[in-house]
Amino acid sequence: MRRLNRKKTLNLMKELDAFPKVPDSYVETSASGGTVSLIAFTTIAFLTVMEFMVYRDTWMKYEYEVDKDFTSKLRINIDITVAMRCQYVGADVLDLAETMVASADGLIYEPVVFELTPQQKELQRMLQLIQSRLQEEHSLQDVIFKSAFKSGSTALPPREDNSLQSPDACRIHGHLYVNKVAGNFHITVGKAIPHPRGHAHLAALVSHESYNFSHRIDHLSFGELIPGIINPLDGTEKIASDHNQMFQYFITVVPTKLHTYKISAETHQFSVTERERVINHAAGSHGVSGIFMKYDISSLMVTVTEEHMPFWQFLVRLCGIIGGIFSTTGILHGVGRFVVEIIFCRFRLGSYRSTSVPLPDGHSSNHLPLITENSTH
């Protein structure tokens, strides 16, 4: 009984076999089939390598949601060099929510030389080149996100020439915290003097001939400071053509959560629109000379996540490649062989000519004569 059950089980398993075996004596090989097989194997190997490279690569996924955090403070990281002495300029932030001056005690005023050294000029030129490429190819921003923390700071290196030239500029750098509402960070003549109705700058002791708001923005960012991230205004340099000139930057800040395989941080991206004009009250161009950065906080928050292809998806795509190439090459080989056989058959039929065979009764037959043993001699 056990043997009988085993035989039934084996017979049932044989009937369920979806891969029947063909005896070797029934298999016919050909040169064309070998050529097609070689092409198929080469294509499979090439596409497998390419698919593995795609599997190793990652991409950035962007998700948008409403920013519900209104209580936290916004950090502004600043590194700006103005072509005026430090005692002549002042920087502060005007908070539009409470119409008051936010404290700018976190900023450092450092006397420096405005002209850059050759090494610093080379780094600034490279930074400006990257900025121009980022404006043309936005996908490069994903590469910067992936390489965050791998590269060093984008700030200019310190001077190494030990120049004896007296400082003619002021480097304002550091960070400060403001409310997450629209505001105005500006650098103008004179130190800021707060008062109940707003604020003012003590500029009476500075002559107009000494005004020079040529400036260089080595770094400007919002939120957590992440080394390697290049911001839109990094490397910007503006040269004033007149003493009374206003430079305006209109900035839209977007809160961003960055999650990659290397880092996880909360920062802020921003876009900027620039404008500059000469202050001439006689010509109707009113305003205050200086550098004004008006920023506004977006109500949307962007979550940037680095994703990787799952292993099961890689296997499915790989099986699709192998099976698809085998099926396609088999179909093409069969069709090609069928077409070739039809063409050769026509040539073979055309080589035989019909002949008339006389019959004893005087009639003739147009059928092909039969081949007999006597006719072969």
Protein backbone atom coordinates (compact mmCIF):
# COMPACT_ATOMS: atom_id res chain seq x y z
CA MET A 1 0.00 0.00 0.00
CA ARG A 2 2.81 2.37 0.82
CA ARG A 3 4.52 1.69 -2.50
CA LEU A 4 1.24 2.24 -4.31
CA ASN A 5 0.71 5.55 -2.57
CA ARG A 6 4.25 6.63 -3.41
CA LYS A 7 3.72 5.81 -7.08
CA LYS A 8 0.47 7.77 -7.14
CA THR A 9 2.17 10.70 -5.49
CA LEU A 10 5.06 10.58 -7.99
CA ASN A 11 2.67 10.35 -10.92
CA LEU A 12 0.70 13.32 -9.60
CA MET A 13 3.88 15.36 -9.21
CA LYS A 14 4.91 14.47 -12.76
CA GLU A 15 1.59 15.68 -14.09
CA LEU A 16 2.09 19.01 -12.28
CA ASP A 17 5.52 19.49 -13.84
CA ALA A 18 5.45 22.81 -15.70
CA PHE A 19 8.96 22.30 -17.09
CA PRO A 20 8.86 19.12 -19.17
CA LYS A 21 12.24 17.74 -20.17
CA VAL A 22 12.99 17.28 -23.87
CA PRO A 23 15.34 14.40 -24.76
CA ASP A 24 18.65 15.47 -26.25
CA SER A 25 17.93 13.42 -29.37
CA TYR A 26 14.97 15.72 -30.13
CA VAL A 27 16.97 18.93 -29.78
CA GLU A 28 18.32 20.46 -32.95
CA THR A 29 21.06 23.10 -32.77
CA SER A 30 21.92 25.61 -35.47
CA ALA A 31 24.43 28.37 -36.11
CA SER A 32 21.70 31.01 -36.19
CA GLY A 33 20.35 29.83 -32.85
CA GLY A 34 23.81 29.97 -31.32
CA THR A 35 24.32 33.51 -32.61
CA VAL A 36 20.99 34.66 -31.20
CA SER A 37 21.78 32.99 -27.87
CA LEU A 38 25.14 34.74 -27.68
CA ILE A 39 23.48 38.11 -28.34
CA ALA A 40 20.81 37.36 -25.73
CA PHE A 41 23.35 36.40 -23.04
CA THR A 42 25.44 39.51 -23.76
CA THR A 43 22.37 41.75 -23.52
CA ILE A 44 21.29 40.09 -20.27
CA ALA A 45 24.74 40.59 -18.74
CA PHE A 46 24.84 44.26 -19.77
CA LEU A 47 21.33 45.05 -18.50
CA THR A 48 22.00 43.16 -15.26
CA VAL A 49 25.03 45.34 -14.55
CA MET A 50 23.06 48.49 -15.35
CA GLU A 51 20.17 47.36 -13.15
CA PHE A 52 22.57 46.69 -10.28
CA MET A 53 23.93 50.24 -10.62
CA VAL A 54 20.36 51.57 -10.44
CA TYR A 55 19.76 49.41 -7.37
CA ARG A 56 22.81 50.89 -5.63
CA ASP A 57 21.75 54.47 -6.41
CA THR A 58 19.36 56.50 -4.25
CA TRP A 59 16.99 59.38 -4.96
CA MET A 60 15.37 62.15 -2.97
CA LYS A 61 11.65 62.13 -2.26
CA TYR A 62 9.90 65.45 -1.59
CA GLU A 63 6.77 65.65 0.56
CA TYR A 64 4.85 68.80 1.45
CA GLU A 65 2.75 69.58 4.50
CA VAL A 66 1.58 72.57 6.51
CA ASP A 67 4.13 73.89 9.02
CA LYS A 68 2.39 73.92 12.41
CA ASP A 69 5.38 75.09 14.44
CA PHE A 70 4.93 78.80 15.17
CA THR A 71 6.46 78.99 18.64
CA SER A 72 10.07 78.09 17.94
CA LYS A 73 12.72 80.63 16.99
CA LEU A 74 14.30 80.95 13.58
CA ARG A 75 18.09 81.01 13.43
CA ILE A 76 19.81 83.24 10.87
CA ASN A 77 23.46 82.49 10.03
CA ILE A 78 25.29 85.51 8.59
CA ASP A 79 28.74 86.12 7.14
CA ILE A 80 28.79 89.38 5.16
CA THR A 81 31.70 91.71 4.41
CA VAL A 82 30.89 95.39 3.75
CA ALA A 83 33.44 97.78 2.24
CA MET A 84 33.13 100.27 5.15
CA ARG A 85 34.78 100.53 8.53
CA CYS A 86 33.03 98.77 11.39
CA GLN A 87 32.39 101.99 13.33
CA TYR A 88 30.38 103.35 10.39
CA VAL A 89 27.89 100.47 9.90
CA GLY A 90 25.28 98.73 12.02
CA ALA A 91 23.20 95.59 11.54
CA ASP A 92 19.88 94.69 13.13
CA VAL A 93 16.59 92.89 12.47
CA LEU A 94 13.16 94.47 12.46
CA ASP A 95 10.48 91.96 13.49
CA LEU A 96 7.23 92.77 11.70
CA ALA A 97 5.10 90.77 14.12
CA GLU A 98 5.69 93.00 17.16
CA THR A 99 7.23 95.99 15.35
CA MET A 100 10.34 95.84 17.48
CA VAL A 101 14.04 95.39 16.97
CA ALA A 102 15.30 91.89 17.55
CA SER A 103 18.58 91.66 19.38
CA ALA A 104 21.64 91.38 17.15
CA ASP A 105 24.08 90.72 19.97
CA GLY A 106 25.15 87.43 18.38
CA LEU A 107 26.89 89.23 15.52
CA ILE A 108 30.63 89.96 15.51
CA TYR A 109 32.11 93.02 13.77
CA GLU A 110 35.63 92.18 12.53
CA PRO A 111 37.83 94.70 10.65
CA VAL A 112 39.22 93.07 7.49
CA VAL A 113 40.62 93.91 4.07
CA PHE A 114 37.89 93.85 1.42
CA GLU A 115 40.14 92.67 -1.43
CA LEU A 116 40.52 88.91 -1.54
CA THR A 117 43.72 86.93 -1.79
CA PRO A 118 44.32 84.76 -4.90
CA GLN A 119 43.35 81.64 -2.95
CA GLN A 120 40.14 83.24 -1.73
CA LYS A 121 39.32 84.50 -5.23
CA GLU A 122 39.71 80.99 -6.62
CA LEU A 123 37.31 79.57 -4.04
CA GLN A 124 34.82 82.35 -4.67
CA ARG A 125 35.01 81.77 -8.42
CA MET A 126 34.37 78.07 -7.94
CA LEU A 127 31.41 78.83 -5.65
CA GLN A 128 29.91 81.19 -8.22
CA LEU A 129 30.32 78.52 -10.91
CA ILE A 130 28.44 76.03 -8.75
CA GLN A 131 25.68 78.61 -8.21
CA SER A 132 25.27 79.12 -11.95
CA ARG A 133 25.07 75.36 -12.54
CA LEU A 134 22.50 74.97 -9.77
CA GLN A 135 20.28 77.56 -11.47
CA GLU A 136 20.46 75.64 -14.74
CA GLU A 137 20.25 72.07 -13.38
CA HIS A 138 18.05 71.87 -10.30
CA SER A 139 18.69 68.13 -9.90
CA LEU A 140 22.20 68.94 -8.63
CA GLN A 141 20.59 70.01 -5.36
CA ASP A 142 19.88 66.33 -4.64
CA VAL A 143 23.58 65.58 -5.01
CA ILE A 144 24.38 68.33 -2.50
CA PHE A 145 21.84 66.92 -0.05
CA LYS A 146 23.40 63.45 -0.33
CA SER A 147 26.94 64.76 0.17
CA ALA A 148 26.10 66.95 3.18
CA PHE A 149 28.64 66.72 5.99
CA LYS A 150 31.10 65.08 3.58
CA SER A 151 32.44 68.36 2.24
CA GLY A 152 33.87 71.16 4.32
CA SER A 153 32.47 74.58 5.03
CA THR A 154 31.78 76.93 2.15
CA ALA A 155 33.23 79.90 4.07
CA LEU A 156 36.30 81.59 2.68
CA PRO A 157 39.62 80.50 4.22
CA PRO A 158 41.49 83.04 6.37
CA ARG A 159 44.06 85.33 4.82
CA GLU A 160 47.59 83.91 4.68
CA ASP A 161 49.49 86.74 3.02
CA ASN A 162 49.96 88.74 6.26
CA SER A 163 49.06 91.92 4.43
CA LEU A 164 50.23 95.15 6.05
CA GLN A 165 47.33 97.02 4.46
CA SER A 166 45.07 98.64 7.02
CA PRO A 167 41.52 97.16 7.25
CA ASP A 168 39.10 99.02 4.98
CA ALA A 169 36.05 96.75 5.42
CA CYS A 170 33.96 95.15 8.13
CA ARG A 171 33.10 91.49 8.30
CA ILE A 172 29.77 90.93 10.10
CA HIS A 173 29.39 87.27 11.01
CA GLY A 174 27.62 85.13 13.57
CA HIS A 175 24.02 84.11 14.15
CA LEU A 176 20.87 85.46 15.75
CA TYR A 177 17.40 84.15 16.64
CA VAL A 178 14.15 85.75 15.49
CA ASN A 179 10.47 84.85 15.53
CA LYS A 180 9.14 82.71 12.68
CA VAL A 181 7.42 85.63 10.99
CA ALA A 182 8.36 88.03 8.23
CA GLY A 183 11.19 90.37 9.06
CA ASN A 184 13.86 92.65 7.70
CA PHE A 185 17.57 92.20 8.33
CA HIS A 186 19.51 95.23 7.17
CA ILE A 187 22.96 96.78 7.30
CA THR A 188 23.12 100.55 6.98
CA VAL A 189 25.10 103.55 8.15
CA GLY A 190 25.36 104.07 11.91
CA LYS A 191 24.59 101.93 14.92
CA ALA A 192 20.98 101.04 15.66
CA ILE A 193 19.20 102.99 18.39
CA PRO A 194 15.93 101.39 19.55
CA HIS A 195 13.06 103.51 20.80
CA PRO A 196 9.35 102.89 21.55
CA ARG A 197 8.10 103.93 18.09
CA GLY A 198 10.55 101.84 16.09
CA HIS A 199 14.26 102.18 15.58
CA ALA A 200 16.80 104.52 14.03
CA HIS A 201 20.45 104.55 13.01
CA LEU A 202 22.90 107.17 14.21
CA ALA A 203 24.32 108.26 10.86
CA ALA A 204 24.76 112.00 11.40
CA LEU A 205 28.48 111.69 12.13
CA VAL A 206 29.26 109.79 8.91
CA SER A 207 29.84 111.79 5.72
CA HIS A 208 28.10 110.74 2.51
CA GLU A 209 31.44 110.53 0.67
CA SER A 210 32.46 107.59 2.88
CA TYR A 211 29.35 105.57 2.00
CA ASN A 212 30.31 102.40 0.19
CA PHE A 213 27.95 99.45 0.39
CA SER A 214 29.91 97.19 -1.88
CA HIS A 215 29.58 93.86 -0.15
CA ARG A 216 30.30 90.18 -0.38
CA ILE A 217 27.99 87.50 1.04
CA ASP A 218 30.17 84.56 2.00
CA HIS A 219 27.33 82.75 3.75
CA LEU A 220 23.66 83.32 4.52
CA SER A 221 21.38 80.54 5.73
CA PHE A 222 18.37 79.94 7.93
CA GLY A 223 17.97 77.22 10.52
CA GLU A 224 20.52 74.64 11.55
CA LEU A 225 23.96 75.17 10.07
CA ILE A 226 24.82 72.18 7.85
CA PRO A 227 28.35 72.06 6.37
CA GLY A 228 28.44 71.34 2.65
CA ILE A 229 25.04 72.84 1.85
CA ILE A 230 25.32 75.66 -0.70
CA ASN A 231 22.73 78.40 -0.29
CA PRO A 232 21.51 80.71 -3.08
CA LEU A 233 23.42 83.81 -1.89
CA ASP A 234 26.71 82.14 -0.99
CA GLY A 235 29.54 83.71 -2.98
CA THR A 236 27.53 86.77 -4.07
CA GLU A 237 29.55 89.97 -4.58
CA LYS A 238 28.09 93.39 -5.38
CA ILE A 239 30.08 96.50 -6.19
CA ALA A 240 28.35 99.83 -5.58
CA SER A 241 28.47 102.32 -8.45
CA ASP A 242 27.41 105.26 -6.25
CA HIS A 243 27.81 106.28 -2.63
CA ASN A 244 24.05 106.40 -2.02
CA GLN A 245 23.00 102.97 -3.23
CA MET A 246 20.46 100.47 -1.92
CA PHE A 247 20.74 96.70 -2.33
CA GLN A 248 17.58 94.71 -1.67
CA TYR A 249 17.12 90.95 -1.35
CA PHE A 250 13.59 89.56 -1.15
CA ILE A 251 13.81 86.11 0.41
CA THR A 252 11.17 83.38 0.80
CA VAL A 253 12.17 80.85 3.46
CA VAL A 254 10.80 77.28 3.33
CA PRO A 255 11.21 75.05 6.44
CA THR A 256 12.88 71.80 5.41
CA LYS A 257 13.40 68.48 7.16
CA LEU A 258 16.31 66.55 5.66
CA HIS A 259 16.53 62.79 6.20
CA THR A 260 19.32 60.96 4.39
CA TYR A 261 21.39 57.88 5.17
CA LYS A 262 24.12 60.19 6.49
CA ILE A 263 22.29 62.91 8.40
CA SER A 264 18.94 63.91 9.81
CA ALA A 265 18.50 67.64 10.34
CA GLU A 266 15.98 70.46 10.28
CA THR A 267 17.04 73.36 8.11
CA HIS A 268 15.50 75.94 5.78
CA GLN A 269 15.77 76.42 2.04
CA PHE A 270 15.09 79.78 0.46
CA SER A 271 14.68 81.51 -2.86
CA VAL A 272 15.75 85.09 -3.46
CA THR A 273 15.02 88.00 -5.80
CA GLU A 274 17.57 90.82 -6.05
CA ARG A 275 17.18 94.52 -6.74
CA GLU A 276 19.52 97.48 -6.53
CA ARG A 277 19.09 101.18 -7.22
CA VAL A 278 20.77 104.51 -6.57
CA ILE A 279 19.12 106.77 -3.97
CA ASN A 280 18.44 110.16 -5.54
CA HIS A 281 15.71 112.18 -3.85
CA ALA A 282 15.77 114.85 -6.58
CA ALA A 283 14.95 112.20 -9.21
CA GLY A 284 12.21 110.60 -7.10
CA SER A 285 14.25 107.58 -5.98
CA HIS A 286 13.70 107.67 -2.22
CA GLY A 287 15.00 105.33 0.43
CA VAL A 288 17.97 104.65 2.68
CA SER A 289 21.37 103.54 1.48
CA GLY A 290 22.34 100.10 2.71
CA ILE A 291 21.80 96.36 2.39
CA PHE A 292 18.27 95.15 3.08
CA MET A 293 17.23 91.49 3.30
CA LYS A 294 13.47 91.15 3.62
CA TYR A 295 12.50 87.58 4.39
CA ASP A 296 9.13 85.87 4.64
CA ILE A 297 8.41 82.42 6.10
CA SER A 298 6.42 79.98 3.96
CA SER A 299 3.48 78.20 5.56
CA LEU A 300 4.49 74.93 3.88
CA MET A 301 7.15 72.57 5.13
CA VAL A 302 9.16 70.27 2.85
CA THR A 303 10.37 66.85 3.97
CA VAL A 304 13.27 65.55 1.88
CA THR A 305 13.90 61.83 2.32
CA GLU A 306 16.58 59.73 0.66
CA GLU A 307 15.08 56.49 -0.64
CA HIS A 308 16.55 53.25 -1.91
CA MET A 309 15.10 50.56 -4.19
CA PRO A 310 13.90 47.53 -2.16
CA PHE A 311 15.72 44.25 -2.77
CA TRP A 312 12.52 42.45 -3.77
CA GLN A 313 11.85 45.06 -6.44
CA PHE A 314 15.38 44.59 -7.75
CA LEU A 315 14.77 40.82 -8.05
CA VAL A 316 11.45 41.36 -9.84
CA ARG A 317 13.02 43.76 -12.34
CA LEU A 318 15.93 41.37 -12.86
CA CYS A 319 13.61 38.43 -13.54
CA GLY A 320 11.65 40.61 -15.95
CA ILE A 321 14.83 41.46 -17.84
CA ILE A 322 16.01 37.85 -18.14
CA GLY A 323 12.61 36.41 -19.05
CA GLY A 324 11.75 39.23 -21.42
CA ILE A 325 15.01 38.95 -23.36
CA PHE A 326 14.70 35.18 -23.70
CA SER A 327 11.12 35.43 -24.91
CA THR A 328 11.81 38.31 -27.29
CA THR A 329 14.90 36.75 -28.85
CA GLY A 330 13.06 33.42 -29.21
CA ILE A 331 10.17 35.08 -31.02
CA LEU A 332 12.47 37.10 -33.28
CA HIS A 333 14.55 34.02 -34.08
CA GLY A 334 11.42 32.02 -34.93
CA VAL A 335 10.01 34.75 -37.15
CA GLY A 336 13.33 35.24 -38.90
CA ARG A 337 13.71 31.54 -39.50
CA PHE A 338 10.17 31.32 -40.87
CA VAL A 339 10.78 34.21 -43.28
CA VAL A 340 14.06 32.69 -44.47
CA GLU A 341 12.44 29.30 -45.08
CA ILE A 342 9.65 30.91 -47.15
CA ILE A 343 12.17 32.79 -49.28
CA PHE A 344 14.31 29.70 -49.86
CA CYS A 345 11.24 27.60 -50.66
CA ARG A 346 10.22 30.03 -53.40
CA PHE A 347 13.68 29.87 -54.90
CA ARG A 348 13.59 26.07 -54.82
CA LEU A 349 10.13 25.92 -56.45
CA GLY A 350 11.25 28.33 -59.12
CA SER A 351 14.14 26.04 -60.09
CA TYR A 352 11.75 23.27 -61.22
CA ARG A 353 10.09 23.75 -64.62
CA SER A 354 6.94 21.97 -65.72
CA THR A 355 7.41 19.57 -68.74
CA SER A 356 4.81 17.98 -71.01
CA VAL A 357 4.91 14.20 -71.21
CA PRO A 358 3.39 12.64 -74.37
CA LEU A 359 0.76 9.97 -73.76
CA PRO A 360 0.06 6.97 -76.02
CA ASP A 361 -3.35 8.32 -77.08
CA GLY A 362 -1.78 11.53 -78.39
CA HIS A 363 -2.54 13.68 -75.38
CA SER A 364 0.07 15.37 -73.25
CA SER A 365 0.46 15.86 -69.49
CA ASN A 366 1.96 18.95 -67.84
CA HIS A 367 2.64 17.20 -64.54
CA LEU A 368 6.18 16.67 -63.39
CA PRO A 369 7.49 13.27 -64.30
CA LEU A 370 7.92 10.72 -61.58
CA ILE A 371 11.42 9.79 -60.66
CA THR A 372 11.97 6.03 -61.01
CA GLU A 373 14.96 3.80 -60.67
CA ASN A 374 15.38 3.61 -64.49
CA SER A 375 15.35 7.39 -64.80
CA THR A 376 18.25 7.75 -62.47
CA HIS A 377 20.56 5.77 -64.78
